[in-house]
Amino acid sequence: MPGENTVGSKGAMTVSAAGRKGGIRVRETRGRKFYEEIGKKGGEAVKAKRGRPFYEEIGKKGGEVVRAERGRTFYEEIGRKGGETIKAERGTPFYEEIGRKGGQKVRLLVMRGKDTQSRG
């Protein structure tokens, strides 16, 4: 490929091609488990060094890029697809259960609010 560094003389492999060849070789000899292990180690190292705010920042930036590129309809579509998948997997009783739990939580919060008001 034009503009890439080459090693050696005419017909030598580019740095990019050599890296690709090495990556294929590692995949063939070490397998998927190796990549899972080094990915986990790398993730833990980044987490230890940069902490939660780093992930919040890159998540926010990524979300802004997606919103700018794909718009609101993208989120509506993936939400609808996700909802249909959950409905197919868990059925109506799941929605009844989470609705009941949500209602109970709201009732509890309202009661706490009234208790706080009556004391103050």
PDB file of N, CA and C in Angstrom:
ATOM      1  N   MET A   1       0.839  -1.181   0.000  1.00  0.00           N
ATOM      2  CA  MET A   1       0.000   0.000   0.000  1.00  0.00           C
ATOM      3  C   MET A   1       0.880   1.239   0.000  1.00  0.00           C
ATOM      4  N   PRO A   2       0.525   2.226  -0.793  1.00  0.00           N
ATOM      5  CA  PRO A   2       1.350   3.421  -0.882  1.00  0.00           C
ATOM      6  C   PRO A   2       1.436   4.150   0.445  1.00  0.00           C
ATOM      7  N   GLY A   3       2.608   4.665   0.719  1.00  0.00           N
ATOM      8  CA  GLY A   3       2.802   5.474   1.907  1.00  0.00           C
ATOM      9  C   GLY A   3       3.044   4.690   3.187  1.00  0.00           C
ATOM     10  N   GLU A   4       2.969   3.358   3.127  1.00  0.00           N
ATOM     11  CA  GLU A   4       3.225   2.577   4.338  1.00  0.00           C
ATOM     12  C   GLU A   4       4.700   2.255   4.435  1.00  0.00           C
ATOM     13  N   ASN A   5       5.175   2.130   5.632  1.00  0.00           N
ATOM     14  CA  ASN A   5       6.570   1.775   5.844  1.00  0.00           C
ATOM     15  C   ASN A   5       6.794   0.335   5.416  1.00  0.00           C
ATOM     16  N   THR A   6       7.917   0.106   4.768  1.00  0.00           N
ATOM     17  CA  THR A   6       8.278  -1.255   4.397  1.00  0.00           C
ATOM     18  C   THR A   6       9.599  -1.584   5.059  1.00  0.00           C
ATOM     19  N   VAL A   7       9.791  -2.865   5.231  1.00  0.00           N
ATOM     20  CA  VAL A   7      11.008  -3.332   5.867  1.00  0.00           C
ATOM     21  C   VAL A   7      11.839  -4.011   4.789  1.00  0.00           C
ATOM     22  N   GLY A   8      13.082  -3.587   4.648  1.00  0.00           N
ATOM     23  CA  GLY A   8      13.965  -4.265   3.706  1.00  0.00           C
ATOM     24  C   GLY A   8      13.883  -3.723   2.300  1.00  0.00           C
ATOM     25  N   SER A   9      14.069  -4.635   1.331  1.00  0.00           N
ATOM     26  CA  SER A   9      14.180  -4.215  -0.065  1.00  0.00           C
ATOM     27  C   SER A   9      12.873  -4.410  -0.820  1.00  0.00           C
ATOM     28  N   LYS A  10      12.983  -4.315  -2.144  1.00  0.00           N
ATOM     29  CA  LYS A  10      11.847  -4.436  -3.051  1.00  0.00           C
ATOM     30  C   LYS A  10      11.057  -5.714  -2.762  1.00  0.00           C
ATOM     31  N   GLY A  11       9.735  -5.566  -2.726  1.00  0.00           N
ATOM     32  CA  GLY A  11       8.885  -6.723  -2.500  1.00  0.00           C
ATOM     33  C   GLY A  11       8.714  -7.074  -1.038  1.00  0.00           C
ATOM     34  N   ALA A  12       9.286  -6.264  -0.170  1.00  0.00           N
ATOM     35  CA  ALA A  12       9.181  -6.544   1.260  1.00  0.00           C
ATOM     36  C   ALA A  12       7.749  -6.291   1.726  1.00  0.00           C
ATOM     37  N   MET A  13       7.413  -6.926   2.797  1.00  0.00           N
ATOM     38  CA  MET A  13       6.084  -6.810   3.377  1.00  0.00           C
ATOM     39  C   MET A  13       5.937  -5.457   4.085  1.00  0.00           C
ATOM     40  N   THR A  14       4.755  -4.852   3.975  1.00  0.00           N
ATOM     41  CA  THR A  14       4.512  -3.604   4.695  1.00  0.00           C
ATOM     42  C   THR A  14       4.362  -3.908   6.183  1.00  0.00           C
ATOM     43  N   VAL A  15       4.492  -2.877   6.980  1.00  0.00           N
ATOM     44  CA  VAL A  15       4.321  -3.034   8.428  1.00  0.00           C
ATOM     45  C   VAL A  15       2.896  -3.488   8.724  1.00  0.00           C
ATOM     46  N   SER A  16       1.944  -2.930   8.010  1.00  0.00           N
ATOM     47  CA  SER A  16       0.542  -3.293   8.199  1.00  0.00           C
ATOM     48  C   SER A  16       0.301  -4.769   7.871  1.00  0.00           C
ATOM     49  N   ALA A  17       0.856  -5.227   6.758  1.00  0.00           N
ATOM     50  CA  ALA A  17       0.690  -6.626   6.352  1.00  0.00           C
ATOM     51  C   ALA A  17       1.363  -7.570   7.354  1.00  0.00           C
ATOM     52  N   ALA A  18       2.523  -7.161   7.850  1.00  0.00           N
ATOM     53  CA  ALA A  18       3.226  -7.986   8.839  1.00  0.00           C
ATOM     54  C   ALA A  18       2.412  -8.088  10.127  1.00  0.00           C
ATOM     55  N   GLY A  19       1.835  -6.993  10.554  1.00  0.00           N
ATOM     56  CA  GLY A  19       0.994  -7.007  11.750  1.00  0.00           C
ATOM     57  C   GLY A  19      -0.225  -7.888  11.580  1.00  0.00           C
ATOM     58  N   ARG A  20      -0.834  -7.797  10.416  1.00  0.00           N
ATOM     59  CA  ARG A  20      -2.010  -8.626  10.115  1.00  0.00           C
ATOM     60  C   ARG A  20      -1.636 -10.104  10.125  1.00  0.00           C
ATOM     61  N   LYS A  21      -0.505 -10.420   9.507  1.00  0.00           N
ATOM     62  CA  LYS A  21      -0.032 -11.807   9.453  1.00  0.00           C
ATOM     63  C   LYS A  21       0.255 -12.334  10.868  1.00  0.00           C
ATOM     64  N   GLY A  22       0.884 -11.494  11.689  1.00  0.00           N
ATOM     65  CA  GLY A  22       1.168 -11.884  13.072  1.00  0.00           C
ATOM     66  C   GLY A  22      -0.102 -12.089  13.875  1.00  0.00           C
ATOM     67  N   GLY A  23      -1.089 -11.231  13.660  1.00  0.00           N
ATOM     68  CA  GLY A  23      -2.365 -11.357  14.352  1.00  0.00           C
ATOM     69  C   GLY A  23      -3.083 -12.641  13.999  1.00  0.00           C
ATOM     70  N   ILE A  24      -3.034 -13.008  12.739  1.00  0.00           N
ATOM     71  CA  ILE A  24      -3.651 -14.264  12.295  1.00  0.00           C
ATOM     72  C   ILE A  24      -2.954 -15.454  12.935  1.00  0.00           C
ATOM     73  N   ARG A  25      -1.655 -15.383  12.998  1.00  0.00           N
ATOM     74  CA  ARG A  25      -0.871 -16.469  13.602  1.00  0.00           C
ATOM     75  C   ARG A  25      -1.203 -16.638  15.091  1.00  0.00           C
ATOM     76  N   VAL A  26      -1.305 -15.521  15.814  1.00  0.00           N
ATOM     77  CA  VAL A  26      -1.645 -15.577  17.240  1.00  0.00           C
ATOM     78  C   VAL A  26      -3.050 -16.156  17.404  1.00  0.00           C
ATOM     79  N   ARG A  27      -3.972 -15.730  16.562  1.00  0.00           N
ATOM     80  CA  ARG A  27      -5.342 -16.242  16.643  1.00  0.00           C
ATOM     81  C   ARG A  27      -5.374 -17.747  16.428  1.00  0.00           C
ATOM     82  N   GLU A  28      -4.598 -18.210  15.468  1.00  0.00           N
ATOM     83  CA  GLU A  28      -4.570 -19.648  15.165  1.00  0.00           C
ATOM     84  C   GLU A  28      -3.917 -20.459  16.286  1.00  0.00           C
ATOM     85  N   THR A  29      -2.859 -19.921  16.904  1.00  0.00           N
ATOM     86  CA  THR A  29      -2.144 -20.694  17.916  1.00  0.00           C
ATOM     87  C   THR A  29      -2.739 -20.562  19.316  1.00  0.00           C
ATOM     88  N   ARG A  30      -3.257 -19.376  19.669  1.00  0.00           N
ATOM     89  CA  ARG A  30      -3.731 -19.163  21.042  1.00  0.00           C
ATOM     90  C   ARG A  30      -5.239 -19.193  21.199  1.00  0.00           C
ATOM     91  N   GLY A  31      -5.966 -18.853  20.155  1.00  0.00           N
ATOM     92  CA  GLY A  31      -7.418 -18.932  20.197  1.00  0.00           C
ATOM     93  C   GLY A  31      -8.110 -17.766  20.875  1.00  0.00           C
ATOM     94  N   ARG A  32      -9.424 -17.866  20.894  1.00  0.00           N
ATOM     95  CA  ARG A  32     -10.298 -16.814  21.409  1.00  0.00           C
ATOM     96  C   ARG A  32     -10.060 -16.531  22.897  1.00  0.00           C
ATOM     97  N   LYS A  33      -9.839 -17.564  23.674  1.00  0.00           N
ATOM     98  CA  LYS A  33      -9.664 -17.431  25.122  1.00  0.00           C
ATOM     99  C   LYS A  33      -8.520 -16.451  25.440  1.00  0.00           C
ATOM    100  N   PHE A  34      -7.447 -16.511  24.677  1.00  0.00           N
ATOM    101  CA  PHE A  34      -6.306 -15.618  24.880  1.00  0.00           C
ATOM    102  C   PHE A  34      -6.727 -14.156  24.763  1.00  0.00           C
ATOM    103  N   TYR A  35      -7.503 -13.845  23.718  1.00  0.00           N
ATOM    104  CA  TYR A  35      -7.949 -12.466  23.516  1.00  0.00           C
ATOM    105  C   TYR A  35      -8.900 -12.030  24.625  1.00  0.00           C
ATOM    106  N   GLU A  36      -9.736 -12.937  25.109  1.00  0.00           N
ATOM    107  CA  GLU A  36     -10.625 -12.612  26.220  1.00  0.00           C
ATOM    108  C   GLU A  36      -9.814 -12.266  27.473  1.00  0.00           C
ATOM    109  N   GLU A  37      -8.783 -13.045  27.736  1.00  0.00           N
ATOM    110  CA  GLU A  37      -7.953 -12.819  28.926  1.00  0.00           C
ATOM    111  C   GLU A  37      -7.197 -11.496  28.849  1.00  0.00           C
ATOM    112  N   ILE A  38      -6.568 -11.207  27.703  1.00  0.00           N
ATOM    113  CA  ILE A  38      -5.813  -9.957  27.618  1.00  0.00           C
ATOM    114  C   ILE A  38      -6.748  -8.754  27.574  1.00  0.00           C
ATOM    115  N   GLY A  39      -7.931  -8.924  27.006  1.00  0.00           N
ATOM    116  CA  GLY A  39      -8.915  -7.841  27.007  1.00  0.00           C
ATOM    117  C   GLY A  39      -9.379  -7.519  28.414  1.00  0.00           C
ATOM    118  N   LYS A  40      -9.615  -8.569  29.185  1.00  0.00           N
ATOM    119  CA  LYS A  40     -10.048  -8.374  30.574  1.00  0.00           C
ATOM    120  C   LYS A  40      -8.950  -7.689  31.395  1.00  0.00           C
ATOM    121  N   LYS A  41      -7.701  -8.139  31.221  1.00  0.00           N
ATOM    122  CA  LYS A  41      -6.580  -7.526  31.937  1.00  0.00           C
ATOM    123  C   LYS A  41      -6.436  -6.052  31.562  1.00  0.00           C
ATOM    124  N   GLY A  42      -6.547  -5.760  30.287  1.00  0.00           N
ATOM    125  CA  GLY A  42      -6.436  -4.373  29.835  1.00  0.00           C
ATOM    126  C   GLY A  42      -7.561  -3.509  30.383  1.00  0.00           C
ATOM    127  N   GLY A  43      -8.777  -4.045  30.381  1.00  0.00           N
ATOM    128  CA  GLY A  43      -9.913  -3.313  30.927  1.00  0.00           C
ATOM    129  C   GLY A  43      -9.759  -3.031  32.406  1.00  0.00           C
ATOM    130  N   GLU A  44      -9.252  -4.011  33.147  1.00  0.00           N
ATOM    131  CA  GLU A  44      -9.037  -3.818  34.584  1.00  0.00           C
ATOM    132  C   GLU A  44      -7.948  -2.767  34.841  1.00  0.00           C
ATOM    133  N   ALA A  45      -6.915  -2.769  34.000  1.00  0.00           N
ATOM    134  CA  ALA A  45      -5.837  -1.788  34.160  1.00  0.00           C
ATOM    135  C   ALA A  45      -6.355  -0.372  33.894  1.00  0.00           C
ATOM    136  N   VAL A  46      -7.160  -0.210  32.854  1.00  0.00           N
ATOM    137  CA  VAL A  46      -7.723   1.112  32.541  1.00  0.00           C
ATOM    138  C   VAL A  46      -8.656   1.550  33.666  1.00  0.00           C
ATOM    139  N   LYS A  47      -9.464   0.621  34.153  1.00  0.00           N
ATOM    140  CA  LYS A  47     -10.387   0.942  35.248  1.00  0.00           C
ATOM    141  C   LYS A  47      -9.624   1.405  36.489  1.00  0.00           C
ATOM    142  N   ALA A  48      -8.541   0.715  36.811  1.00  0.00           N
ATOM    143  CA  ALA A  48      -7.742   1.071  37.989  1.00  0.00           C
ATOM    144  C   ALA A  48      -7.065   2.431  37.806  1.00  0.00           C
ATOM    145  N   LYS A  49      -6.610   2.700  36.601  1.00  0.00           N
ATOM    146  CA  LYS A  49      -5.875   3.937  36.355  1.00  0.00           C
ATOM    147  C   LYS A  49      -6.798   5.153  36.205  1.00  0.00           C
ATOM    148  N   ARG A  50      -7.900   4.991  35.484  1.00  0.00           N
ATOM    149  CA  ARG A  50      -8.727   6.152  35.143  1.00  0.00           C
ATOM    150  C   ARG A  50     -10.049   6.242  35.894  1.00  0.00           C
ATOM    151  N   GLY A  51     -10.573   5.126  36.348  1.00  0.00           N
ATOM    152  CA  GLY A  51     -11.800   5.122  37.147  1.00  0.00           C
ATOM    153  C   GLY A  51     -13.072   5.331  36.349  1.00  0.00           C
ATOM    154  N   ARG A  52     -14.165   5.383  37.095  1.00  0.00           N
ATOM    155  CA  ARG A  52     -15.500   5.490  36.520  1.00  0.00           C
ATOM    156  C   ARG A  52     -15.710   6.748  35.665  1.00  0.00           C
ATOM    157  N   PRO A  53     -15.216   7.920  36.069  1.00  0.00           N
ATOM    158  CA  PRO A  53     -15.451   9.127  35.256  1.00  0.00           C
ATOM    159  C   PRO A  53     -14.964   8.986  33.809  1.00  0.00           C
ATOM    160  N   PHE A  54     -13.895   8.239  33.603  1.00  0.00           N
ATOM    161  CA  PHE A  54     -13.376   8.033  32.249  1.00  0.00           C
ATOM    162  C   PHE A  54     -14.418   7.326  31.382  1.00  0.00           C
ATOM    163  N   TYR A  55     -15.018   6.266  31.928  1.00  0.00           N
ATOM    164  CA  TYR A  55     -16.019   5.515  31.167  1.00  0.00           C
ATOM    165  C   TYR A  55     -17.277   6.349  30.934  1.00  0.00           C
ATOM    166  N   GLU A  56     -17.653   7.165  31.916  1.00  0.00           N
ATOM    167  CA  GLU A  56     -18.805   8.046  31.748  1.00  0.00           C
ATOM    168  C   GLU A  56     -18.554   9.043  30.616  1.00  0.00           C
ATOM    169  N   GLU A  57     -17.328   9.578  30.587  1.00  0.00           N
ATOM    170  CA  GLU A  57     -16.973  10.572  29.568  1.00  0.00           C
ATOM    171  C   GLU A  57     -16.970   9.968  28.165  1.00  0.00           C
ATOM    172  N   ILE A  58     -16.345   8.804  27.997  1.00  0.00           N
ATOM    173  CA  ILE A  58     -16.290   8.229  26.654  1.00  0.00           C
ATOM    174  C   ILE A  58     -17.666   7.711  26.233  1.00  0.00           C
ATOM    175  N   GLY A  59     -18.472   7.259  27.190  1.00  0.00           N
ATOM    176  CA  GLY A  59     -19.835   6.835  26.871  1.00  0.00           C
ATOM    177  C   GLY A  59     -20.675   7.997  26.389  1.00  0.00           C
ATOM    178  N   LYS A  60     -20.530   9.135  27.060  1.00  0.00           N
ATOM    179  CA  LYS A  60     -21.278  10.340  26.683  1.00  0.00           C
ATOM    180  C   LYS A  60     -20.857  10.816  25.295  1.00  0.00           C
ATOM    181  N   LYS A  61     -19.539  10.834  25.058  1.00  0.00           N
ATOM    182  CA  LYS A  61     -19.041  11.260  23.745  1.00  0.00           C
ATOM    183  C   LYS A  61     -19.555  10.334  22.646  1.00  0.00           C
ATOM    184  N   GLY A  62     -19.490   9.036  22.898  1.00  0.00           N
ATOM    185  CA  GLY A  62     -19.970   8.070  21.906  1.00  0.00           C
ATOM    186  C   GLY A  62     -21.450   8.228  21.635  1.00  0.00           C
ATOM    187  N   GLY A  63     -22.229   8.456  22.686  1.00  0.00           N
ATOM    188  CA  GLY A  63     -23.665   8.666  22.527  1.00  0.00           C
ATOM    189  C   GLY A  63     -23.974   9.910  21.712  1.00  0.00           C
ATOM    190  N   GLU A  64     -23.208  10.970  21.941  1.00  0.00           N
ATOM    191  CA  GLU A  64     -23.411  12.206  21.184  1.00  0.00           C
ATOM    192  C   GLU A  64     -23.109  12.006  19.704  1.00  0.00           C
ATOM    193  N   VAL A  65     -22.068  11.234  19.410  1.00  0.00           N
ATOM    194  CA  VAL A  65     -21.710  10.966  18.015  1.00  0.00           C
ATOM    195  C   VAL A  65     -22.822  10.158  17.338  1.00  0.00           C
ATOM    196  N   VAL A  66     -23.299   9.133  18.014  1.00  0.00           N
ATOM    197  CA  VAL A  66     -24.372   8.302  17.446  1.00  0.00           C
ATOM    198  C   VAL A  66     -25.620   9.140  17.222  1.00  0.00           C
ATOM    199  N   ARG A  67     -25.975   9.970  18.190  1.00  0.00           N
ATOM    200  CA  ARG A  67     -27.159  10.817  18.056  1.00  0.00           C
ATOM    201  C   ARG A  67     -27.011  11.758  16.852  1.00  0.00           C
ATOM    202  N   ALA A  68     -25.818  12.335  16.692  1.00  0.00           N
ATOM    203  CA  ALA A  68     -25.588  13.258  15.576  1.00  0.00           C
ATOM    204  C   ALA A  68     -25.635  12.530  14.235  1.00  0.00           C
ATOM    205  N   GLU A  69     -25.098  11.319  14.179  1.00  0.00           N
ATOM    206  CA  GLU A  69     -25.047  10.576  12.922  1.00  0.00           C
ATOM    207  C   GLU A  69     -26.379   9.931  12.556  1.00  0.00           C
ATOM    208  N   ARG A  70     -27.091   9.406  13.558  1.00  0.00           N
ATOM    209  CA  ARG A  70     -28.272   8.590  13.254  1.00  0.00           C
ATOM    210  C   ARG A  70     -29.598   9.216  13.633  1.00  0.00           C
ATOM    211  N   GLY A  71     -29.590  10.144  14.544  1.00  0.00           N
ATOM    212  CA  GLY A  71     -30.812  10.837  14.909  1.00  0.00           C
ATOM    213  C   GLY A  71     -31.726  10.062  15.850  1.00  0.00           C
ATOM    214  N   ARG A  72     -32.848  10.699  16.157  1.00  0.00           N
ATOM    215  CA  ARG A  72     -33.809  10.176  17.123  1.00  0.00           C
ATOM    216  C   ARG A  72     -34.439   8.866  16.674  1.00  0.00           C
ATOM    217  N   THR A  73     -34.708   8.724  15.397  1.00  0.00           N
ATOM    218  CA  THR A  73     -35.392   7.514  14.911  1.00  0.00           C
ATOM    219  C   THR A  73     -34.575   6.255  15.182  1.00  0.00           C
ATOM    220  N   PHE A  74     -33.259   6.387  15.214  1.00  0.00           N
ATOM    221  CA  PHE A  74     -32.406   5.236  15.517  1.00  0.00           C
ATOM    222  C   PHE A  74     -32.715   4.700  16.901  1.00  0.00           C
ATOM    223  N   TYR A  75     -32.799   5.593  17.891  1.00  0.00           N
ATOM    224  CA  TYR A  75     -33.083   5.181  19.257  1.00  0.00           C
ATOM    225  C   TYR A  75     -34.497   4.608  19.381  1.00  0.00           C
ATOM    226  N   GLU A  76     -35.450   5.207  18.648  1.00  0.00           N
ATOM    227  CA  GLU A  76     -36.811   4.679  18.666  1.00  0.00           C
ATOM    228  C   GLU A  76     -36.843   3.253  18.110  1.00  0.00           C
ATOM    229  N   GLU A  77     -36.112   3.037  17.037  1.00  0.00           N
ATOM    230  CA  GLU A  77     -36.081   1.715  16.396  1.00  0.00           C
ATOM    231  C   GLU A  77     -35.431   0.660  17.292  1.00  0.00           C
ATOM    232  N   ILE A  78     -34.277   0.984  17.897  1.00  0.00           N
ATOM    233  CA  ILE A  78     -33.628  -0.029  18.734  1.00  0.00           C
ATOM    234  C   ILE A  78     -34.426  -0.277  20.016  1.00  0.00           C
ATOM    235  N   GLY A  79     -35.111   0.750  20.508  1.00  0.00           N
ATOM    236  CA  GLY A  79     -35.975   0.568  21.676  1.00  0.00           C
ATOM    237  C   GLY A  79     -37.145  -0.344  21.357  1.00  0.00           C
ATOM    238  N   ARG A  80     -37.754  -0.151  20.195  1.00  0.00           N
ATOM    239  CA  ARG A  80     -38.876  -0.986  19.773  1.00  0.00           C
ATOM    240  C   ARG A  80     -38.432  -2.430  19.591  1.00  0.00           C
ATOM    241  N   LYS A  81     -37.286  -2.613  18.917  1.00  0.00           N
ATOM    242  CA  LYS A  81     -36.771  -3.973  18.709  1.00  0.00           C
ATOM    243  C   LYS A  81     -36.456  -4.657  20.032  1.00  0.00           C
ATOM    244  N   GLY A  82     -35.839  -3.920  20.954  1.00  0.00           N
ATOM    245  CA  GLY A  82     -35.532  -4.477  22.270  1.00  0.00           C
ATOM    246  C   GLY A  82     -36.789  -4.854  23.027  1.00  0.00           C
ATOM    247  N   GLY A  83     -37.788  -3.993  22.964  1.00  0.00           N
ATOM    248  CA  GLY A  83     -39.063  -4.274  23.628  1.00  0.00           C
ATOM    249  C   GLY A  83     -39.741  -5.509  23.058  1.00  0.00           C
ATOM    250  N   GLU A  84     -39.698  -5.642  21.743  1.00  0.00           N
ATOM    251  CA  GLU A  84     -40.300  -6.823  21.106  1.00  0.00           C
ATOM    252  C   GLU A  84     -39.562  -8.096  21.512  1.00  0.00           C
ATOM    253  N   THR A  85     -38.242  -8.022  21.604  1.00  0.00           N
ATOM    254  CA  THR A  85     -37.443  -9.182  22.011  1.00  0.00           C
ATOM    255  C   THR A  85     -37.773  -9.597  23.433  1.00  0.00           C
ATOM    256  N   ILE A  86     -37.848  -8.641  24.342  1.00  0.00           N
ATOM    257  CA  ILE A  86     -38.166  -8.933  25.745  1.00  0.00           C
ATOM    258  C   ILE A  86     -39.574  -9.517  25.844  1.00  0.00           C
ATOM    259  N   LYS A  87     -40.511  -8.947  25.104  1.00  0.00           N
ATOM    260  CA  LYS A  87     -41.886  -9.448  25.126  1.00  0.00           C
ATOM    261  C   LYS A  87     -41.939 -10.887  24.646  1.00  0.00           C
ATOM    262  N   ALA A  88     -41.174 -11.197  23.579  1.00  0.00           N
ATOM    263  CA  ALA A  88     -41.151 -12.560  23.047  1.00  0.00           C
ATOM    264  C   ALA A  88     -40.500 -13.533  24.025  1.00  0.00           C
ATOM    265  N   GLU A  89     -39.448 -13.082  24.706  1.00  0.00           N
ATOM    266  CA  GLU A  89     -38.717 -13.956  25.636  1.00  0.00           C
ATOM    267  C   GLU A  89     -39.429 -14.137  26.969  1.00  0.00           C
ATOM    268  N   ARG A  90     -40.025 -13.058  27.494  1.00  0.00           N
ATOM    269  CA  ARG A  90     -40.554 -13.097  28.867  1.00  0.00           C
ATOM    270  C   ARG A  90     -42.073 -13.035  28.959  1.00  0.00           C
ATOM    271  N   GLY A  91     -42.724 -12.513  27.927  1.00  0.00           N
ATOM    272  CA  GLY A  91     -44.180 -12.480  27.915  1.00  0.00           C
ATOM    273  C   GLY A  91     -44.795 -11.360  28.743  1.00  0.00           C
ATOM    274  N   THR A  92     -46.122 -11.313  28.688  1.00  0.00           N
ATOM    275  CA  THR A  92     -46.894 -10.286  29.380  1.00  0.00           C
ATOM    276  C   THR A  92     -46.694 -10.312  30.892  1.00  0.00           C
ATOM    277  N   PRO A  93     -46.610 -11.486  31.541  1.00  0.00           N
ATOM    278  CA  PRO A  93     -46.439 -11.487  33.002  1.00  0.00           C
ATOM    279  C   PRO A  93     -45.231 -10.680  33.482  1.00  0.00           C
ATOM    280  N   PHE A  94     -44.183 -10.632  32.688  1.00  0.00           N
ATOM    281  CA  PHE A  94     -42.996  -9.857  33.061  1.00  0.00           C
ATOM    282  C   PHE A  94     -43.353  -8.379  33.196  1.00  0.00           C
ATOM    283  N   TYR A  95     -44.100  -7.840  32.214  1.00  0.00           N
ATOM    284  CA  TYR A  95     -44.479  -6.433  32.261  1.00  0.00           C
ATOM    285  C   TYR A  95     -45.439  -6.155  33.416  1.00  0.00           C
ATOM    286  N   GLU A  96     -46.319  -7.111  33.705  1.00  0.00           N
ATOM    287  CA  GLU A  96     -47.220  -6.954  34.846  1.00  0.00           C
ATOM    288  C   GLU A  96     -46.424  -6.876  36.152  1.00  0.00           C
ATOM    289  N   GLU A  97     -45.411  -7.743  36.260  1.00  0.00           N
ATOM    290  CA  GLU A  97     -44.584  -7.775  37.476  1.00  0.00           C
ATOM    291  C   GLU A  97     -43.793  -6.486  37.659  1.00  0.00           C
ATOM    292  N   ILE A  98     -43.135  -6.007  36.598  1.00  0.00           N
ATOM    293  CA  ILE A  98     -42.335  -4.788  36.758  1.00  0.00           C
ATOM    294  C   ILE A  98     -43.233  -3.573  36.958  1.00  0.00           C
ATOM    295  N   GLY A  99     -44.427  -3.589  36.388  1.00  0.00           N
ATOM    296  CA  GLY A  99     -45.378  -2.509  36.618  1.00  0.00           C
ATOM    297  C   GLY A  99     -45.833  -2.472  38.062  1.00  0.00           C
ATOM    298  N   ARG A 100     -46.096  -3.643  38.624  1.00  0.00           N
ATOM    299  CA  ARG A 100     -46.512  -3.736  40.028  1.00  0.00           C
ATOM    300  C   ARG A 100     -45.385  -3.243  40.944  1.00  0.00           C
ATOM    301  N   LYS A 101     -44.156  -3.691  40.662  1.00  0.00           N
ATOM    302  CA  LYS A 101     -43.012  -3.258  41.476  1.00  0.00           C
ATOM    303  C   LYS A 101     -42.819  -1.748  41.395  1.00  0.00           C
ATOM    304  N   GLY A 102     -42.947  -1.198  40.197  1.00  0.00           N
ATOM    305  CA  GLY A 102     -42.809   0.249  40.027  1.00  0.00           C
ATOM    306  C   GLY A 102     -43.876   1.004  40.787  1.00  0.00           C
ATOM    307  N   GLY A 103     -45.109   0.506  40.746  1.00  0.00           N
ATOM    308  CA  GLY A 103     -46.202   1.137  41.474  1.00  0.00           C
ATOM    309  C   GLY A 103     -45.973   1.091  42.975  1.00  0.00           C
ATOM    310  N   GLN A 104     -45.475  -0.028  43.464  1.00  0.00           N
ATOM    311  CA  GLN A 104     -45.184  -0.156  44.896  1.00  0.00           C
ATOM    312  C   GLN A 104     -44.105   0.843  45.324  1.00  0.00           C
ATOM    313  N   LYS A 105     -43.097   0.993  44.482  1.00  0.00           N
ATOM    314  CA  LYS A 105     -42.002   1.920  44.793  1.00  0.00           C
ATOM    315  C   LYS A 105     -42.520   3.359  44.856  1.00  0.00           C
ATOM    316  N   VAL A 106     -43.369   3.733  43.907  1.00  0.00           N
ATOM    317  CA  VAL A 106     -43.930   5.083  43.890  1.00  0.00           C
ATOM    318  C   VAL A 106     -44.765   5.310  45.146  1.00  0.00           C
ATOM    319  N   ARG A 107     -45.594   4.331  45.498  1.00  0.00           N
ATOM    320  CA  ARG A 107     -46.433   4.442  46.695  1.00  0.00           C
ATOM    321  C   ARG A 107     -45.563   4.643  47.942  1.00  0.00           C
ATOM    322  N   LEU A 108     -44.481   3.868  48.050  1.00  0.00           N
ATOM    323  CA  LEU A 108     -43.564   3.982  49.178  1.00  0.00           C
ATOM    324  C   LEU A 108     -42.925   5.368  49.247  1.00  0.00           C
ATOM    325  N   LEU A 109     -42.481   5.886  48.113  1.00  0.00           N
ATOM    326  CA  LEU A 109     -41.855   7.211  48.074  1.00  0.00           C
ATOM    327  C   LEU A 109     -42.847   8.307  48.444  1.00  0.00           C
ATOM    328  N   VAL A 110     -44.093   8.182  47.991  1.00  0.00           N
ATOM    329  CA  VAL A 110     -45.116   9.174  48.337  1.00  0.00           C
ATOM    330  C   VAL A 110     -45.364   9.156  49.839  1.00  0.00           C
ATOM    331  N   MET A 111     -45.448   7.964  50.423  1.00  0.00           N
ATOM    332  CA  MET A 111     -45.671   7.848  51.866  1.00  0.00           C
ATOM    333  C   MET A 111     -44.511   8.469  52.644  1.00  0.00           C
ATOM    334  N   ARG A 112     -43.294   8.207  52.192  1.00  0.00           N
ATOM    335  CA  ARG A 112     -42.122   8.796  52.859  1.00  0.00           C
ATOM    336  C   ARG A 112     -42.158  10.317  52.780  1.00  0.00           C
ATOM    337  N   GLY A 113     -42.548  10.824  51.613  1.00  0.00           N
ATOM    338  CA  GLY A 113     -42.641  12.265  51.433  1.00  0.00           C
ATOM    339  C   GLY A 113     -43.665  12.894  52.354  1.00  0.00           C
ATOM    340  N   LYS A 114     -44.810  12.226  52.507  1.00  0.00           N
ATOM    341  CA  LYS A 114     -45.854  12.741  53.406  1.00  0.00           C
ATOM    342  C   LYS A 114     -45.379  12.709  54.863  1.00  0.00           C
ATOM    343  N   ASP A 115     -44.665  11.627  55.242  1.00  0.00           N
ATOM    344  CA  ASP A 115     -44.123  11.526  56.609  1.00  0.00           C
ATOM    345  C   ASP A 115     -43.139  12.661  56.883  1.00  0.00           C
ATOM    346  N   THR A 116     -42.264  12.936  55.908  1.00  0.00           N
ATOM    347  CA  THR A 116     -41.268  13.996  56.058  1.00  0.00           C
ATOM    348  C   THR A 116     -41.949  15.350  56.186  1.00  0.00           C
ATOM    349  N   GLN A 117     -43.020  15.573  55.412  1.00  0.00           N
ATOM    350  CA  GLN A 117     -43.751  16.839  55.451  1.00  0.00           C
ATOM    351  C   GLN A 117     -44.445  17.036  56.797  1.00  0.00           C
ATOM    352  N   SER A 118     -45.027  15.962  57.312  1.00  0.00           N
ATOM    353  CA  SER A 118     -45.767  16.088  58.565  1.00  0.00           C
ATOM    354  C   SER A 118     -44.839  16.348  59.749  1.00  0.00           C
ATOM    355  N   ARG A 119     -43.609  15.881  59.656  1.00  0.00           N
ATOM    356  CA  ARG A 119     -42.630  16.104  60.741  1.00  0.00           C
ATOM    357  C   ARG A 119     -42.061  17.509  60.701  1.00  0.00           C
ATOM    358  N   GLY A 120     -41.957  18.050  59.489  1.00  0.00           N
ATOM    359  CA  GLY A 120     -41.249  19.321  59.342  1.00  0.00           C
ATOM    360  C   GLY A 120     -42.126  20.456  59.380  1.00  0.00           C
TER     361      GLY A 120
END
